[in-house]
Protein backbone atom coordinates (compact mmCIF):
# COMPACT_ATOMS: atom_id res chain seq x y z
CA UNK A 1 -10.14 82.74 131.72
CA UNK A 2 -8.39 83.11 128.39
CA UNK A 3 -10.12 85.29 125.80
CA UNK A 4 -8.89 85.23 122.20
CA UNK A 5 -9.39 88.49 120.30
CA UNK A 6 -8.94 89.02 116.57
CA UNK A 7 -6.70 92.07 115.93
CA UNK A 8 -6.97 91.89 112.16
CA UNK A 9 -7.21 95.39 110.71
CA UNK A 10 -7.19 97.01 114.17
CA UNK A 11 -4.69 99.47 115.58
CA UNK A 12 -2.31 98.14 118.23
CA UNK A 13 0.12 100.39 120.08
CA UNK A 14 3.13 98.79 121.76
CA UNK A 15 5.18 100.53 124.45
CA UNK A 16 8.53 98.77 124.75
CA UNK A 17 12.07 98.45 123.48
CA UNK A 18 12.51 97.07 120.00
CA UNK A 19 14.40 94.02 121.27
CA UNK A 20 12.06 93.48 124.24
CA UNK A 21 8.96 93.73 122.07
CA UNK A 22 10.22 91.88 118.98
CA UNK A 23 8.13 88.76 119.57
CA UNK A 24 4.84 90.48 120.41
CA UNK A 25 5.40 92.82 117.46
CA UNK A 26 5.87 89.86 115.13
CA UNK A 27 2.78 88.16 116.51
CA UNK A 28 0.46 91.12 115.92
CA UNK A 29 1.85 91.68 112.44
CA UNK A 30 1.19 88.02 111.63
CA UNK A 31 -2.37 88.44 112.87
CA UNK A 32 -2.98 91.37 110.52
CA UNK A 33 -2.95 94.26 113.01
CA UNK A 34 -1.84 97.81 112.22
CA UNK A 35 1.02 98.33 114.66
CA UNK A 36 2.67 101.39 116.16
CA UNK A 37 5.62 100.89 118.47
CA UNK A 38 6.71 103.63 120.87
CA UNK A 39 10.41 103.26 121.63
CA UNK A 40 12.72 105.00 124.07
CA UNK A 41 15.43 107.19 122.61
CA UNK A 42 16.15 107.83 118.94
CA UNK A 43 14.14 105.99 116.33
CA UNK A 44 15.91 103.16 114.51
CA UNK A 45 17.36 103.91 111.06
CA UNK A 46 15.15 103.16 108.08
CA UNK A 47 17.25 100.13 107.18
CA UNK A 48 16.42 98.49 110.52
CA UNK A 49 12.68 99.18 110.43
CA UNK A 50 9.83 96.88 109.49
CA UNK A 51 8.13 98.59 106.56
CA UNK A 52 4.60 97.94 107.81
CA UNK A 53 5.24 99.29 111.32
CA UNK A 54 4.93 102.91 112.43
CA UNK A 55 7.69 103.97 114.83
CA UNK A 56 7.20 106.74 117.39
CA UNK A 57 9.27 108.22 120.19
CA UNK A 58 8.00 107.13 123.57
CA UNK A 59 6.51 110.09 125.52
CA UNK A 60 7.42 110.82 129.12
CA UNK A 61 5.02 109.83 131.89
CA UNK A 62 3.94 113.47 132.39
CA UNK A 63 3.38 114.09 128.67
CA UNK A 64 -0.36 113.46 128.72
CA UNK A 65 -0.94 114.94 125.28
CA UNK A 66 1.80 112.81 123.75
CA UNK A 67 0.41 109.64 125.31
CA UNK A 68 -3.13 110.43 124.19
CA UNK A 69 -1.98 111.03 120.61
CA UNK A 70 -0.71 107.45 120.59
CA UNK A 71 -3.41 105.57 122.49
CA UNK A 72 -6.47 107.67 121.57
CA UNK A 73 -7.24 105.89 118.29
CA UNK A 74 -5.95 102.49 119.48
CA UNK A 75 -7.96 99.28 119.83
CA UNK A 76 -5.33 97.64 122.06
CA UNK A 77 -2.37 98.97 124.04
CA UNK A 78 0.49 96.61 124.88
CA UNK A 79 3.18 97.34 127.46
CA UNK A 80 6.39 95.32 127.37
CA UNK A 81 9.32 95.51 129.78
CA UNK A 82 10.08 97.96 132.57
CA UNK A 83 8.44 101.28 131.67
CA UNK A 84 8.51 102.77 135.15
CA UNK A 85 5.87 105.48 135.88
CA UNK A 86 4.90 105.58 132.20
CA UNK A 87 3.18 102.24 132.49
CA UNK A 88 0.90 103.44 135.31
CA UNK A 89 0.05 106.66 133.47
CA UNK A 90 -0.79 104.76 130.29
CA UNK A 91 -3.00 102.39 132.27
CA UNK A 92 -4.82 105.32 133.86
CA UNK A 93 -5.51 107.03 130.53
CA UNK A 94 -6.45 103.74 128.85
CA UNK A 95 -9.07 103.24 131.56
CA UNK A 96 -10.62 106.64 130.85
CA UNK A 97 -10.71 105.91 127.10
CA UNK A 98 -12.08 102.37 127.53
CA UNK A 99 -9.26 100.95 125.43
CA UNK A 100 -8.03 97.38 125.97
CA UNK A 101 -4.59 96.97 127.56
CA UNK A 102 -2.34 94.01 128.24
CA UNK A 103 1.14 93.52 129.71
CA UNK A 104 3.48 91.02 128.06
CA UNK A 105 6.83 89.58 129.06
CA UNK A 106 9.83 91.00 127.20
CA UNK A 107 11.74 88.72 124.88
CA UNK A 108 14.92 87.13 126.18
CA UNK A 109 17.79 89.60 126.41
CA UNK A 110 20.29 87.22 124.86
CA UNK A 111 20.16 84.25 122.56
CA UNK A 112 19.30 80.86 123.95
CA UNK A 113 18.23 77.38 122.89
CA UNK A 114 15.37 75.41 124.42
CA UNK A 115 14.97 71.71 123.67
CA UNK A 116 11.24 71.00 123.79
CA UNK A 117 9.66 67.56 123.93
CA UNK A 118 6.54 67.58 121.76
CA UNK A 119 5.04 64.39 123.16
CA UNK A 120 3.48 61.69 120.96
CA UNK A 121 2.28 64.12 118.31
CA UNK A 122 -0.96 65.67 119.50
CA UNK A 123 -0.87 69.39 120.30
CA UNK A 124 -3.19 68.96 123.31
CA UNK A 125 -0.52 66.80 124.99
CA UNK A 126 2.11 69.55 124.96
CA UNK A 127 3.17 70.74 128.41
CA UNK A 128 2.05 74.24 129.38
CA UNK A 129 5.69 75.28 129.58
CA UNK A 130 6.25 73.94 126.06
CA UNK A 131 3.41 76.11 124.72
CA UNK A 132 4.80 79.16 126.53
CA UNK A 133 8.30 78.62 125.14
CA UNK A 134 7.02 78.02 121.61
CA UNK A 135 4.91 81.17 121.71
CA UNK A 136 7.98 83.27 122.57
CA UNK A 137 10.40 81.73 120.08
CA UNK A 138 12.09 83.63 117.27
CA UNK A 139 12.70 80.42 115.32
CA UNK A 140 11.53 76.82 115.74
CA UNK A 141 13.43 73.87 114.27
CA UNK A 142 11.03 70.92 114.17
CA UNK A 143 10.94 67.24 113.19
CA UNK A 144 8.19 65.39 111.37
CA UNK A 145 7.08 63.56 114.54
CA UNK A 146 6.63 66.77 116.51
CA UNK A 147 3.12 68.27 116.87
CA UNK A 148 3.20 70.77 114.00
CA UNK A 149 -0.47 71.11 112.99
CA UNK A 150 -1.11 74.10 115.27
CA UNK A 151 2.38 75.62 115.33
CA UNK A 152 1.36 78.66 113.29
CA UNK A 153 -1.41 79.35 115.80
CA UNK A 154 0.74 78.77 118.88
CA UNK A 155 3.62 80.86 117.53
CA UNK A 156 2.21 83.28 114.93
CA UNK A 157 4.88 85.02 112.92
CA UNK A 158 7.65 82.78 114.25
CA UNK A 159 10.04 81.36 111.67
CA UNK A 160 9.38 77.63 111.31
CA UNK A 161 12.17 75.45 109.94
CA UNK A 162 11.50 71.83 108.96
CA UNK A 163 14.67 69.84 109.55
CA UNK A 164 13.18 66.61 108.23
CA UNK A 165 14.49 63.58 110.09
CA UNK A 166 12.36 60.85 108.54
CA UNK A 167 13.65 57.26 108.80
CA UNK A 168 16.98 56.88 106.96
CA UNK A 169 16.50 60.29 105.33
CA UNK A 170 17.94 63.38 107.04
CA UNK A 171 17.88 66.37 104.65
CA UNK A 172 19.59 68.36 107.40
CA UNK A 173 22.11 66.24 109.27
CA UNK A 174 22.39 66.28 113.04
CA UNK A 175 25.56 68.38 112.95
CA UNK A 176 23.89 70.83 110.59
CA UNK A 177 20.91 71.21 112.93
CA UNK A 178 23.19 71.90 115.87
CA UNK A 179 25.17 74.47 113.88
CA UNK A 180 22.00 76.31 112.82
CA UNK A 181 20.67 76.38 116.39
CA UNK A 182 23.91 77.77 117.77
CA UNK A 183 24.29 80.32 114.99
CA UNK A 184 20.77 81.68 115.55
CA UNK A 185 21.27 81.85 119.32
CA UNK A 186 24.52 83.78 118.81
CA UNK A 187 22.52 86.29 116.78
CA UNK A 188 20.47 86.92 119.93
CA UNK A 189 17.44 84.84 118.96
CA UNK A 190 15.31 82.58 121.15
CA UNK A 191 15.66 79.20 119.46
CA UNK A 192 13.39 76.22 120.06
CA UNK A 193 14.28 72.71 118.96
CA UNK A 194 10.92 70.90 118.88
CA UNK A 195 11.19 67.11 118.90
CA UNK A 196 8.68 64.29 119.10
CA UNK A 197 8.35 62.50 122.42
CA UNK A 198 10.96 63.50 125.00
CA UNK A 199 14.26 65.06 123.88
CA UNK A 200 16.28 62.64 125.99
CA UNK A 201 14.51 59.37 125.07
CA UNK A 202 16.14 58.21 121.83
CA UNK A 203 15.83 61.77 120.55
CA UNK A 204 19.49 62.89 120.39
CA UNK A 205 18.65 65.71 122.77
CA UNK A 206 21.76 64.92 124.77
CA UNK A 207 23.93 65.61 121.74
CA UNK A 208 22.23 68.95 121.14
CA UNK A 209 22.61 69.86 124.80
CA UNK A 210 26.33 69.08 124.65
CA UNK A 211 26.77 71.10 121.45
CA UNK A 212 25.18 74.17 123.04
CA UNK A 213 27.21 73.86 126.24
CA UNK A 214 30.42 73.47 124.25
CA UNK A 215 29.53 76.58 122.21
CA UNK A 216 28.76 78.58 125.35
CA UNK A 217 25.11 79.05 124.38
CA UNK A 218 22.51 79.02 127.19
CA UNK A 219 20.36 75.91 126.82
CA UNK A 220 17.22 74.74 128.61
CA UNK A 221 15.07 71.63 128.44
CA UNK A 222 11.28 71.20 128.52
CA UNK A 223 10.48 67.48 128.90
CA UNK A 224 7.81 65.79 126.81
CA UNK A 225 5.71 62.64 127.09
CA UNK A 226 7.67 59.79 125.56
CA UNK A 227 5.86 57.73 122.94
CA UNK A 228 7.39 54.68 124.62
CA UNK A 229 4.82 55.10 127.40
CA UNK A 230 2.10 57.24 125.83
CA UNK A 231 1.43 55.24 122.66
CA UNK A 232 0.94 51.90 124.45
CA UNK A 233 -1.36 53.73 126.87
CA UNK A 234 -3.66 54.90 124.08
CA UNK A 235 -4.20 51.24 123.21
CA UNK A 236 -4.87 50.37 126.83
CA UNK A 237 -1.49 48.76 127.42
CA UNK A 238 0.29 49.73 130.66
CA UNK A 239 4.04 49.18 130.38
CA UNK A 240 4.00 47.92 133.99
CA UNK A 241 1.13 46.16 135.73
CA UNK A 242 0.87 44.46 139.10
CA UNK A 243 1.29 40.72 138.72
CA UNK A 244 2.37 40.97 135.07
CA UNK A 245 5.42 43.23 134.84
CA UNK A 246 7.39 45.34 137.29
CA UNK A 247 9.86 46.71 134.76
CA UNK A 248 10.00 47.86 131.17
CA UNK A 249 12.90 48.31 128.80
CA UNK A 250 12.85 50.83 125.96
CA UNK A 251 15.14 49.99 123.06
CA UNK A 252 15.91 51.52 119.69
CA UNK A 253 15.33 49.20 116.77
CA UNK A 254 16.96 51.60 114.37
CA UNK A 255 19.86 49.16 113.99
CA UNK A 256 19.76 45.34 114.45
CA UNK A 257 20.29 44.13 118.02
CA UNK A 258 23.30 42.03 118.85
CA UNK A 259 22.98 38.57 120.43
CA UNK A 260 24.14 39.69 123.85
CA UNK A 261 21.53 42.49 123.84
CA UNK A 262 18.77 40.07 122.91
CA UNK A 263 19.90 37.62 125.62
CA UNK A 264 19.86 40.44 128.19
CA UNK A 265 16.35 41.54 127.23
CA UNK A 266 14.95 38.06 127.61
CA UNK A 267 16.88 37.45 130.82
CA UNK A 268 15.65 40.66 132.42
CA UNK A 269 11.99 39.91 131.79
CA UNK A 270 9.28 42.53 132.04
CA UNK A 271 7.97 44.54 129.12
CA UNK A 272 9.96 45.28 125.97
CA UNK A 273 9.11 48.50 124.14
CA UNK A 274 10.70 48.97 120.72
CA UNK A 275 10.89 52.38 119.04
CA UNK A 276 12.00 52.89 115.43
CA UNK A 277 12.04 49.13 114.98
CA UNK A 278 9.81 48.34 112.02
CA UNK A 279 12.64 48.02 109.49
CA UNK A 280 14.51 45.52 111.70
CA UNK A 281 11.49 43.83 113.26
CA UNK A 282 12.16 40.43 111.68
CA UNK A 283 15.69 40.35 113.05
CA UNK A 284 14.64 41.50 116.51
CA UNK A 285 11.70 39.10 116.84
CA UNK A 286 13.74 36.17 115.52
CA UNK A 287 16.57 37.03 117.87
CA UNK A 288 14.26 37.20 120.90
CA UNK A 289 12.93 33.76 120.00
CA UNK A 290 16.44 32.30 119.72
CA UNK A 291 17.29 33.91 123.07
CA UNK A 292 14.48 31.92 124.69
CA UNK A 293 11.39 34.15 124.65
CA UNK A 294 8.26 32.01 124.24
CA UNK A 295 6.45 32.20 120.93
CA UNK A 296 3.09 32.71 122.65
CA UNK A 297 4.30 35.85 124.46
CA UNK A 298 1.70 38.58 123.80
CA UNK A 299 2.79 41.35 121.44
CA UNK A 300 1.27 44.49 120.00
CA UNK A 301 2.03 47.15 117.41
CA UNK A 302 0.51 50.63 117.44
CA UNK A 303 1.04 52.51 114.20
CA UNK A 304 0.77 56.32 114.12
CA UNK A 305 -0.39 56.55 117.72
CA UNK A 306 -2.58 59.53 118.67
CA UNK A 307 -3.28 60.36 115.03
CA UNK A 308 -6.46 59.96 113.00
CA UNK A 309 -4.70 57.17 111.10
CA UNK A 310 -3.87 55.12 114.21
CA UNK A 311 -3.97 51.33 113.77
CA UNK A 312 -3.28 48.71 116.42
CA UNK A 313 -2.45 45.03 116.23
CA UNK A 314 -2.73 42.54 119.10
CA UNK A 315 -1.07 39.18 118.49
CA UNK A 316 1.73 36.94 119.78
CA UNK A 317 5.48 36.95 119.24
CA UNK A 318 5.53 34.07 116.77
CA UNK A 319 2.79 35.65 114.63
CA UNK A 320 3.98 39.23 114.93
CA UNK A 321 6.04 39.69 111.77
CA UNK A 322 3.53 37.85 109.59
CA UNK A 323 0.64 40.00 110.82
CA UNK A 324 2.67 43.22 110.42
CA UNK A 325 3.33 42.22 106.81
CA UNK A 326 -0.29 41.23 106.16
CA UNK A 327 -1.63 44.51 107.48
CA UNK A 328 1.22 46.51 105.90
CA UNK A 329 1.99 48.30 109.16
CA UNK A 330 4.88 50.74 108.98
CA UNK A 331 6.67 53.59 110.69
CA UNK A 332 6.13 55.42 112.91
CA UNK A 333 5.06 52.60 115.17
CA UNK A 334 5.67 51.33 118.69
CA UNK A 335 6.08 47.61 119.37
CA UNK A 336 5.25 46.19 122.80
CA UNK A 337 6.16 42.64 123.81
CA UNK A 338 5.14 41.16 127.15
CA UNK A 339 2.27 40.00 129.34
CA UNK A 340 0.99 43.57 129.79
CA UNK A 341 -0.45 43.37 126.28
CA UNK A 342 -3.21 41.14 127.65
CA UNK A 343 -4.70 44.15 129.44
CA UNK A 344 -5.61 45.76 126.11
CA UNK A 345 -8.74 43.67 125.33
CA UNK A 346 -10.25 44.72 128.66
CA UNK A 347 -9.71 48.36 127.70
CA UNK A 348 -11.19 47.86 124.24
CA UNK A 349 -14.33 46.33 125.69
CA UNK A 350 -15.04 49.50 127.66
CA UNK A 351 -14.80 51.84 124.68
CA UNK A 352 -16.43 49.66 122.05
CA UNK A 353 -15.26 49.24 118.49
CA UNK A 354 -12.49 51.62 117.46
CA UNK A 355 -11.91 52.45 113.83
CA UNK A 356 -8.63 51.15 112.49
CA UNK A 357 -8.11 48.52 115.18
CA UNK A 358 -7.16 45.03 114.08
CA UNK A 359 -7.68 42.47 116.84
CA UNK A 360 -6.12 38.99 116.70
CA UNK A 361 -7.08 35.88 118.66
CA UNK A 362 -3.63 34.36 118.72
CA UNK A 363 -3.13 35.41 122.35
CA UNK A 364 -4.27 32.42 124.48
CA UNK A 365 -7.54 33.10 126.26
CA UNK A 366 -5.97 32.10 129.57
CA UNK A 367 -3.61 35.07 129.22
CA UNK A 368 -6.28 37.48 128.04
CA UNK A 369 -8.68 36.75 130.88
C-alpha cells in the first residue's frame, strides 16, 4: 500500500552521499521540507552547497549521541545508499523515538539517457517503469504529445525542459535535442527523453539512441503504448479483427505518399492507420482511391484521443475529407481506414452517447451489422 505524506514545513534528515541522495534531496526541497543531509567525510565547500539545506558530518554507527542529535527532532529519516552498520543503528534508534524512516535507491552513479514512451497522452497509461524512471530523473526533455499534466507531481523538483515539436514547428531541432541530452548525461545527470506514444514508432527514438551510442553515453529504453493502436481502441476500433483484418499498416502522413506506396497499401489489404496525416489527408485519400481502394471502405478519424477534447468521426473513404473539413478536425489525430471501423458502432451502443462524438451513416448498414 502506498501512503503519500506531506513533508511541507517538516524536518527531514537524509543519510547518504551528496551524489547518491541528490534526487531525493531535490524532491523534499520541492515539497517544502526542511532538510538536513548527513554526509561522509568533509562537508562540501560553501560554493557547492544548496543554501536552504543544512549539512552535517555523518556520525559513526557507535556514536549514539551524534545520531540522536540528528534524528531526535526529525519527522522523517531517509537512508540512501550503502551505509553499512550505521543504517541498522539509525533504524534501531528511530524505532525507539517513533520517527518515520524510509530507504531510497541512490541516484545513478554516472550520467545516462532513458528514452521513455509516454503512451497516448494520459498519465494513467504510463508504464510503471516509466513512472519510476521519471521520478528519479535530474532533467526531463518532453514533447507536447507526452503526458505532462502530472509531471511536477511524478518528478517534483526535477528540471523540466519543453522541446516543443509541434507540427512543422520545432523550436529545438532534433540535433539540438540530442546535443542537450548528451551534454547533460556527460555532466553526470540522469536524463529522460519523454515522448508521446512509443519512442520507436514514428518518434525518432532510433535517431536519439544512435546519437547516444555514438557519443558513448549509456542509453536505455522504456516502451510506451503507441497511439497507432491505443487511440483506435478508445473509439472501439480494433486494428485487427477475425474475419475483417489480419494485418495493419502504420504509416506517417507527415509527407505526401508516393504512388508506389499507395499501390502497396491497397495491394496488401488489412487496416491502414495514418499518424500525423491531417495536413496531407486529401492527397493520401485521393491516392488510395486512384490505387483502387473502394470509396465505400469504412474510415474513421479520432482527434485528440484520450483527452477531454476527444472527437471521433465514422464515415467512408469517399466522404472522409469532406467530413473532416466540415467538422474542422485537426492534429493531433489518428486516421483508420478499413473494415475494422465497422466494429465501432457496436462499441458505442454499449457505452451510450459520448460527448464530442460525431457519427455518420455513410457506412453501409450491411458492413456495420
